[in-house]
Each structure stands twice: as C-alpha cells, then as structure tokens.
Amino acid sequence: MGILNKIFGKKEDQKDKKVSVSGKKREKIRKKDLKPKAVKAVSTPAKAKEVPLRKIKRKDDNAAAKILLEPIISEKATGIAQYNQYVLRVSRFASKNQIKEAIQDYYGVNVISVRTINIKPKKRIQGKIMGKKKGYKKAVVTVAQGQVIDFSSSKQ
C-alpha cells in the first residue's frame, strides 16, 4: 500500500513499521533518538609540529660532510663536466642554499646555481620477496667559468 499512500498523500506511521533489530540495538536506537543534538564546541588549536632531529643545522662544524655524501660518477655526469656542472649525492634534508654553502666551503669554488632532483625509491624483487631501494637526493651544481672540482683530491 506504499505506492497508493504516496499517490493520495497519506503518511505512514513509523510505529507501524516492523524492524527486525535485536534488543540491544533497539535500546541504542531509542537512546539516540531521545538525545538532543549537541552544538559542536570550538576546537582547541593544534600543537605545533616538532622539528625532526635529522634536519641539518646551518652553523655546524662538519656541515659539509653531512650534506655532501658522494660524487656521482656516470657517463652523463662526466659529459656535463665540460660545461662546469658536477653531480653529487646529497642529504635528503639539505636545501639548495645549504648545498651551495657546503660546496663553496669544502671545495673553494664559486657556485653559480644548484639544481636538485629527488630520486624515488625503486622496487626490487628477489625471489618471492618484494622490497625497495632507498631513495636519495641528487644535486647538479654549476660552478664559475674556469673553476674545477677535483673529486679525486678532495678532503673526504
């Protein structure tokens, strides 16, 4: 009779409807219906996020060793060395300015620009086991004309 009631505009009483709900659920439903709707209170401001300990401090005694991890020696990296550009693996938390200062202090050259690339972790499968290689940050550093970074005679 639901269709005829809709056509003629009659409303069904909710008490007449049969609901197959266990006793405990029925009590919960009744309690929910009786409770007045509460107004949400103003939430307290969130606590400030803590700075991770791994962040590199700007004025550190051995900051260059923490920032500059190793040079990347590949065919492409040696090819762009003729344009005064060098490729280094750097700390994931180092900024461009920190990388620039570390190279100028460590190698004694004038850095014109620093470009960074975040290398994502790669998936590796060994048998049935699936794992990941670690990701890292790579920096392409352009030095002033006529200056050279010699990785073989570095202080590291």
C-alpha atoms as a PDB file:
ATOM      1  CA  MET A   1       0.000   0.000   0.000  1.00  0.00           C
ATOM      2  CA  GLY A   2       3.036   2.244  -0.004  1.00  0.00           C
ATOM      3  CA  ILE A   3       2.501   3.364  -3.609  1.00  0.00           C
ATOM      4  CA  LEU A   4      -1.158   4.289  -3.081  1.00  0.00           C
ATOM      5  CA  ASN A   5      -0.267   6.234   0.062  1.00  0.00           C
ATOM      6  CA  LYS A   6       2.294   8.237  -1.891  1.00  0.00           C
ATOM      7  CA  ILE A   7      -0.240   8.970  -4.631  1.00  0.00           C
ATOM      8  CA  PHE A   8      -3.010  10.063  -2.251  1.00  0.00           C
ATOM      9  CA  GLY A   9      -0.608  11.932   0.068  1.00  0.00           C
ATOM     10  CA  LYS A  10      -1.096   9.801   3.165  1.00  0.00           C
ATOM     11  CA  LYS A  11       1.856   9.374   5.506  1.00  0.00           C
ATOM     12  CA  GLU A  12       2.733   6.086   7.124  1.00  0.00           C
ATOM     13  CA  ASP A  13       3.179   5.956  10.862  1.00  0.00           C
ATOM     14  CA  GLN A  14       6.679   4.940  11.787  1.00  0.00           C
ATOM     15  CA  LYS A  15       5.301   2.926  14.700  1.00  0.00           C
ATOM     16  CA  ASP A  16       3.521   0.588  12.283  1.00  0.00           C
ATOM     17  CA  LYS A  17       6.784  -0.340  10.550  1.00  0.00           C
ATOM     18  CA  LYS A  18       8.312  -3.549  11.790  1.00  0.00           C
ATOM     19  CA  VAL A  19      12.066  -3.533  12.223  1.00  0.00           C
ATOM     20  CA  SER A  20      13.974  -6.739  12.872  1.00  0.00           C
ATOM     21  CA  VAL A  21      16.600  -5.448  15.257  1.00  0.00           C
ATOM     22  CA  SER A  22      17.935  -7.227  18.326  1.00  0.00           C
ATOM     23  CA  GLY A  23      17.028  -5.911  21.795  1.00  0.00           C
ATOM     24  CA  LYS A  24      20.379  -4.189  22.456  1.00  0.00           C
ATOM     25  CA  LYS A  25      20.368  -2.403  19.127  1.00  0.00           C
ATOM     26  CA  ARG A  26      16.779  -1.302  19.707  1.00  0.00           C
ATOM     27  CA  GLU A  27      17.775   0.276  23.024  1.00  0.00           C
ATOM     28  CA  LYS A  28      20.662   2.118  21.358  1.00  0.00           C
ATOM     29  CA  ILE A  29      18.406   3.428  18.631  1.00  0.00           C
ATOM     30  CA  ARG A  30      15.865   4.682  21.183  1.00  0.00           C
ATOM     31  CA  LYS A  31      18.600   6.375  23.239  1.00  0.00           C
ATOM     32  CA  LYS A  32      19.960   8.094  20.137  1.00  0.00           C
ATOM     33  CA  ASP A  33      16.516   9.381  19.220  1.00  0.00           C
ATOM     34  CA  LEU A  34      15.976  10.799  22.726  1.00  0.00           C
ATOM     35  CA  LYS A  35      19.287  12.656  22.932  1.00  0.00           C
ATOM     36  CA  PRO A  36      19.162  16.299  21.818  1.00  0.00           C
ATOM     37  CA  LYS A  37      21.640  17.266  19.162  1.00  0.00           C
ATOM     38  CA  ALA A  38      24.633  18.983  20.705  1.00  0.00           C
ATOM     39  CA  VAL A  39      26.342  22.012  19.241  1.00  0.00           C
ATOM     40  CA  LYS A  40      29.992  21.415  18.432  1.00  0.00           C
ATOM     41  CA  ALA A  41      32.387  23.224  20.713  1.00  0.00           C
ATOM     42  CA  VAL A  42      35.186  25.317  19.290  1.00  0.00           C
ATOM     43  CA  SER A  43      38.192  23.048  18.886  1.00  0.00           C
ATOM     44  CA  THR A  44      41.467  23.917  20.562  1.00  0.00           C
ATOM     45  CA  PRO A  45      44.328  24.879  18.258  1.00  0.00           C
ATOM     46  CA  ALA A  46      46.593  22.006  17.241  1.00  0.00           C
ATOM     47  CA  LYS A  47      50.017  21.752  18.795  1.00  0.00           C
ATOM     48  CA  ALA A  48      52.926  22.942  16.698  1.00  0.00           C
ATOM     49  CA  LYS A  49      54.735  20.134  14.907  1.00  0.00           C
ATOM     50  CA  GLU A  50      58.086  19.191  16.303  1.00  0.00           C
ATOM     51  CA  VAL A  51      61.099  19.644  14.050  1.00  0.00           C
ATOM     52  CA  PRO A  52      62.761  16.303  13.202  1.00  0.00           C
ATOM     53  CA  LEU A  53      66.186  15.774  14.708  1.00  0.00           C
ATOM     54  CA  ARG A  54      67.669  14.866  11.340  1.00  0.00           C
ATOM     55  CA  LYS A  55      67.398  18.406   9.989  1.00  0.00           C
ATOM     56  CA  ILE A  56      70.780  19.940   9.293  1.00  0.00           C
ATOM     57  CA  LYS A  57      71.710  22.972  11.315  1.00  0.00           C
ATOM     58  CA  ARG A  58      73.047  25.879   9.340  1.00  0.00           C
ATOM     59  CA  LYS A  59      76.065  26.630  11.523  1.00  0.00           C
ATOM     60  CA  ASP A  60      77.572  23.210  12.164  1.00  0.00           C
ATOM     61  CA  ASP A  61      81.285  22.399  12.425  1.00  0.00           C
ATOM     62  CA  ASN A  62      81.168  19.491   9.988  1.00  0.00           C
ATOM     63  CA  ALA A  63      78.117  20.512   7.955  1.00  0.00           C
ATOM     64  CA  ALA A  64      79.773  19.887   4.575  1.00  0.00           C
ATOM     65  CA  ALA A  65      80.432  16.230   5.424  1.00  0.00           C
ATOM     66  CA  LYS A  66      76.803  15.780   6.496  1.00  0.00           C
ATOM     67  CA  ILE A  67      75.397  17.494   3.407  1.00  0.00           C
ATOM     68  CA  LEU A  68      77.718  16.270   0.626  1.00  0.00           C
ATOM     69  CA  LEU A  69      77.628  12.473   0.671  1.00  0.00           C
ATOM     70  CA  GLU A  70      79.433  11.393  -2.513  1.00  0.00           C
ATOM     71  CA  PRO A  71      80.024  12.407  -6.134  1.00  0.00           C
ATOM     72  CA  ILE A  72      78.003  10.566  -8.768  1.00  0.00           C
ATOM     73  CA  ILE A  73      80.323   9.345 -11.497  1.00  0.00           C
ATOM     74  CA  SER A  74      78.387   8.217 -14.548  1.00  0.00           C
ATOM     75  CA  GLU A  75      78.669   8.709 -18.278  1.00  0.00           C
ATOM     76  CA  LYS A  76      76.218  11.602 -18.251  1.00  0.00           C
ATOM     77  CA  ALA A  77      77.826  13.227 -15.184  1.00  0.00           C
ATOM     78  CA  THR A  78      81.278  13.181 -16.770  1.00  0.00           C
ATOM     79  CA  GLY A  79      79.782  14.524 -20.017  1.00  0.00           C
ATOM     80  CA  ILE A  80      78.304  17.624 -18.390  1.00  0.00           C
ATOM     81  CA  ALA A  81      81.560  18.307 -16.517  1.00  0.00           C
ATOM     82  CA  GLN A  82      82.822  20.132 -19.634  1.00  0.00           C
ATOM     83  CA  TYR A  83      80.058  22.716 -19.023  1.00  0.00           C
ATOM     84  CA  ASN A  84      81.284  23.278 -15.411  1.00  0.00           C
ATOM     85  CA  GLN A  85      78.441  21.184 -13.980  1.00  0.00           C
ATOM     86  CA  TYR A  86      79.029  18.483 -11.368  1.00  0.00           C
ATOM     87  CA  VAL A  87      76.652  15.872  -9.946  1.00  0.00           C
ATOM     88  CA  LEU A  88      76.687  14.964  -6.252  1.00  0.00           C
ATOM     89  CA  ARG A  89      74.599  12.802  -3.967  1.00  0.00           C
ATOM     90  CA  VAL A  90      73.471  14.976  -1.049  1.00  0.00           C
ATOM     91  CA  SER A  91      71.462  14.673   2.151  1.00  0.00           C
ATOM     92  CA  ARG A  92      67.695  14.400   1.630  1.00  0.00           C
ATOM     93  CA  PHE A  93      67.108  17.209   4.125  1.00  0.00           C
ATOM     94  CA  ALA A  94      69.551  19.741   2.651  1.00  0.00           C
ATOM     95  CA  SER A  95      68.244  22.840   0.901  1.00  0.00           C
ATOM     96  CA  LYS A  96      69.787  24.448  -2.180  1.00  0.00           C
ATOM     97  CA  ASN A  97      71.363  27.224  -0.125  1.00  0.00           C
ATOM     98  CA  GLN A  98      72.920  24.726   2.299  1.00  0.00           C
ATOM     99  CA  ILE A  99      74.340  22.703  -0.612  1.00  0.00           C
ATOM    100  CA  LYS A 100      75.744  25.852  -2.209  1.00  0.00           C
ATOM    101  CA  GLU A 101      77.467  26.969   1.025  1.00  0.00           C
ATOM    102  CA  ALA A 102      78.849  23.483   1.703  1.00  0.00           C
ATOM    103  CA  ILE A 103      80.432  23.237  -1.774  1.00  0.00           C
ATOM    104  CA  GLN A 104      81.904  26.721  -1.567  1.00  0.00           C
ATOM    105  CA  ASP A 105      83.410  25.979   1.869  1.00  0.00           C
ATOM    106  CA  TYR A 106      84.591  22.448   1.096  1.00  0.00           C
ATOM    107  CA  TYR A 107      85.969  22.801  -2.439  1.00  0.00           C
ATOM    108  CA  GLY A 108      86.743  26.537  -2.504  1.00  0.00           C
ATOM    109  CA  VAL A 109      84.855  27.319  -5.729  1.00  0.00           C
ATOM    110  CA  ASN A 110      82.182  29.870  -6.621  1.00  0.00           C
ATOM    111  CA  VAL A 111      78.813  28.179  -7.171  1.00  0.00           C
ATOM    112  CA  ILE A 112      76.516  29.822  -9.719  1.00  0.00           C
ATOM    113  CA  SER A 113      73.469  27.555  -9.411  1.00  0.00           C
ATOM    114  CA  VAL A 114      72.245  24.382  -7.739  1.00  0.00           C
ATOM    115  CA  ARG A 115      69.517  22.144  -9.152  1.00  0.00           C
ATOM    116  CA  THR A 116      68.174  19.286  -7.049  1.00  0.00           C
ATOM    117  CA  ILE A 117      66.399  16.066  -8.001  1.00  0.00           C
ATOM    118  CA  ASN A 118      64.631  13.741  -5.571  1.00  0.00           C
ATOM    119  CA  ILE A 119      65.163  10.167  -6.750  1.00  0.00           C
ATOM    120  CA  LYS A 120      62.233   7.994  -5.668  1.00  0.00           C
ATOM    121  CA  PRO A 121      62.786   4.556  -4.115  1.00  0.00           C
ATOM    122  CA  LYS A 122      62.760   1.760  -6.712  1.00  0.00           C
ATOM    123  CA  LYS A 123      61.046  -1.593  -6.266  1.00  0.00           C
ATOM    124  CA  ARG A 124      63.261  -4.671  -6.267  1.00  0.00           C
ATOM    125  CA  ILE A 125      62.179  -8.316  -6.290  1.00  0.00           C
ATOM    126  CA  GLN A 126      64.423 -11.108  -5.086  1.00  0.00           C
ATOM    127  CA  GLY A 127      62.638 -14.425  -5.413  1.00  0.00           C
ATOM    128  CA  LYS A 128      59.292 -14.097  -3.662  1.00  0.00           C
ATOM    129  CA  ILE A 129      60.362 -11.157  -1.532  1.00  0.00           C
ATOM    130  CA  MET A 130      59.459  -7.671  -2.695  1.00  0.00           C
ATOM    131  CA  GLY A 131      61.468  -4.748  -1.352  1.00  0.00           C
ATOM    132  CA  LYS A 132      62.600  -1.223  -2.126  1.00  0.00           C
ATOM    133  CA  LYS A 133      65.887   0.533  -2.690  1.00  0.00           C
ATOM    134  CA  LYS A 134      66.312   3.726  -0.714  1.00  0.00           C
ATOM    135  CA  GLY A 135      65.588   6.992  -2.434  1.00  0.00           C
ATOM    136  CA  TYR A 136      68.083   9.852  -2.359  1.00  0.00           C
ATOM    137  CA  LYS A 137      68.608  13.447  -3.393  1.00  0.00           C
ATOM    138  CA  LYS A 138      70.891  14.414  -6.245  1.00  0.00           C
ATOM    139  CA  ALA A 139      72.305  17.896  -6.875  1.00  0.00           C
ATOM    140  CA  VAL A 140      73.618  19.284 -10.162  1.00  0.00           C
ATOM    141  CA  VAL A 141      75.973  22.131  -9.300  1.00  0.00           C
ATOM    142  CA  THR A 142      77.184  24.748 -11.782  1.00  0.00           C
ATOM    143  CA  VAL A 143      80.464  26.447 -10.849  1.00  0.00           C
ATOM    144  CA  ALA A 144      82.009  29.636 -12.224  1.00  0.00           C
ATOM    145  CA  GLN A 145      83.802  29.610 -15.578  1.00  0.00           C
ATOM    146  CA  GLY A 146      87.372  28.291 -15.324  1.00  0.00           C
ATOM    147  CA  GLN A 147      86.930  26.648 -11.909  1.00  0.00           C
ATOM    148  CA  VAL A 148      87.094  22.888 -11.455  1.00  0.00           C
ATOM    149  CA  ILE A 149      86.015  20.492  -8.707  1.00  0.00           C
ATOM    150  CA  ASP A 150      88.504  17.629  -8.482  1.00  0.00           C
ATOM    151  CA  PHE A 151      86.844  14.755  -6.639  1.00  0.00           C
ATOM    152  CA  SER A 152      89.999  12.623  -6.588  1.00  0.00           C
ATOM    153  CA  SER A 153      91.938  15.061  -4.387  1.00  0.00           C
ATOM    154  CA  SER A 154      89.045  16.030  -2.101  1.00  0.00           C
ATOM    155  CA  LYS A 155      89.315  16.204   1.690  1.00  0.00           C
ATOM    156  CA  GLN A 156      86.831  13.370   2.183  1.00  0.00           C
END
